[in-house]
């Protein structure tokens, strides 16, 4: 003997399943990729130059007197 509640339960499950399938279809028509977003880059603010050392600048002239050493590249 079959119970009417079982048939009702199956009918509800089928109706809800069909509704979920139809609701999950998504966008109708052709699928497409959206155009890429263009990022607007604003110019970075320029940092102010570092502060100059106070004084007469004699300590900086010492660096000009240092001779640069070139490596010996000659043959062995």
Protein backbone atom coordinates (compact mmCIF):
# COMPACT_ATOMS: atom_id res chain seq x y z
CA UNK A 1 0.00 0.00 0.00
CA UNK A 2 1.37 3.41 -1.00
CA UNK A 3 1.13 6.44 1.18
CA UNK A 4 -0.15 9.72 -0.31
CA UNK A 5 2.40 11.67 1.77
CA UNK A 6 5.23 9.95 -0.08
CA UNK A 7 3.85 11.09 -3.43
CA UNK A 8 3.35 14.60 -2.08
CA UNK A 9 6.94 14.66 -0.81
CA UNK A 10 8.30 13.53 -4.19
CA UNK A 11 6.16 16.12 -6.00
CA UNK A 12 7.49 18.91 -3.74
CA UNK A 13 11.10 17.76 -4.23
CA UNK A 14 10.66 17.62 -8.02
CA UNK A 15 8.98 21.06 -8.09
CA UNK A 16 11.69 22.67 -5.93
CA UNK A 17 14.47 20.99 -7.92
CA UNK A 18 12.99 22.16 -11.20
CA UNK A 19 12.67 25.68 -9.81
CA UNK A 20 16.32 25.69 -8.73
CA UNK A 21 17.47 24.48 -12.13
CA UNK A 22 15.51 27.20 -13.90
CA UNK A 23 16.68 29.89 -11.48
CA UNK A 24 20.32 28.90 -11.95
CA UNK A 25 20.33 29.47 -15.70
CA UNK A 26 21.93 32.90 -15.37
CA UNK A 27 22.20 35.47 -18.13
CA UNK A 28 20.35 34.79 -21.33
CA UNK A 29 22.06 35.25 -24.67
CA UNK A 30 25.71 35.09 -25.69
CA UNK A 31 28.38 35.04 -23.03
CA UNK A 32 31.07 37.72 -23.22
CA UNK A 33 34.06 38.96 -21.27
CA UNK A 34 33.69 42.44 -19.83
CA UNK A 35 36.14 45.02 -21.18
CA UNK A 36 39.27 45.38 -19.06
CA UNK A 37 39.19 48.16 -16.53
CA UNK A 38 41.61 50.96 -17.21
CA UNK A 39 43.46 52.15 -14.18
CA UNK A 40 44.15 55.85 -14.01
CA UNK A 41 47.55 56.42 -12.52
CA UNK A 42 48.00 59.75 -10.86
CA UNK A 43 51.53 61.13 -10.84
CA UNK A 44 53.38 60.52 -7.62
CA UNK A 45 54.27 63.62 -5.67
CA UNK A 46 57.92 64.52 -5.95
CA UNK A 47 59.77 64.31 -2.67
CA UNK A 48 61.67 67.43 -1.68
CA UNK A 49 65.46 67.16 -1.92
CA UNK A 50 67.27 66.14 1.25
CA UNK A 51 68.48 69.00 3.39
CA UNK A 52 71.99 70.25 2.68
CA UNK A 53 74.56 70.09 5.47
CA UNK A 54 75.16 73.34 7.21
CA UNK A 55 78.58 74.91 7.18
CA UNK A 56 81.09 76.14 4.65
CA UNK A 57 81.17 72.94 2.65
CA UNK A 58 84.87 72.29 3.30
CA UNK A 59 84.11 68.75 4.45
CA UNK A 60 82.62 67.99 1.05
CA UNK A 61 85.71 69.25 -0.78
CA UNK A 62 87.77 66.55 0.89
CA UNK A 63 85.90 63.95 -1.16
CA UNK A 64 87.01 65.67 -4.36
CA UNK A 65 90.66 65.19 -3.39
CA UNK A 66 90.34 61.38 -3.05
CA UNK A 67 91.78 59.67 -6.09
CA UNK A 68 89.80 56.82 -7.53
CA UNK A 69 91.67 53.55 -7.78
CA UNK A 70 91.23 51.56 -10.96
CA UNK A 71 91.64 47.79 -10.67
CA UNK A 72 94.63 46.22 -12.34
CA UNK A 73 93.16 44.38 -15.29
CA UNK A 74 96.45 43.48 -16.89
CA UNK A 75 97.47 39.94 -17.82
CA UNK A 76 98.90 37.52 -15.31
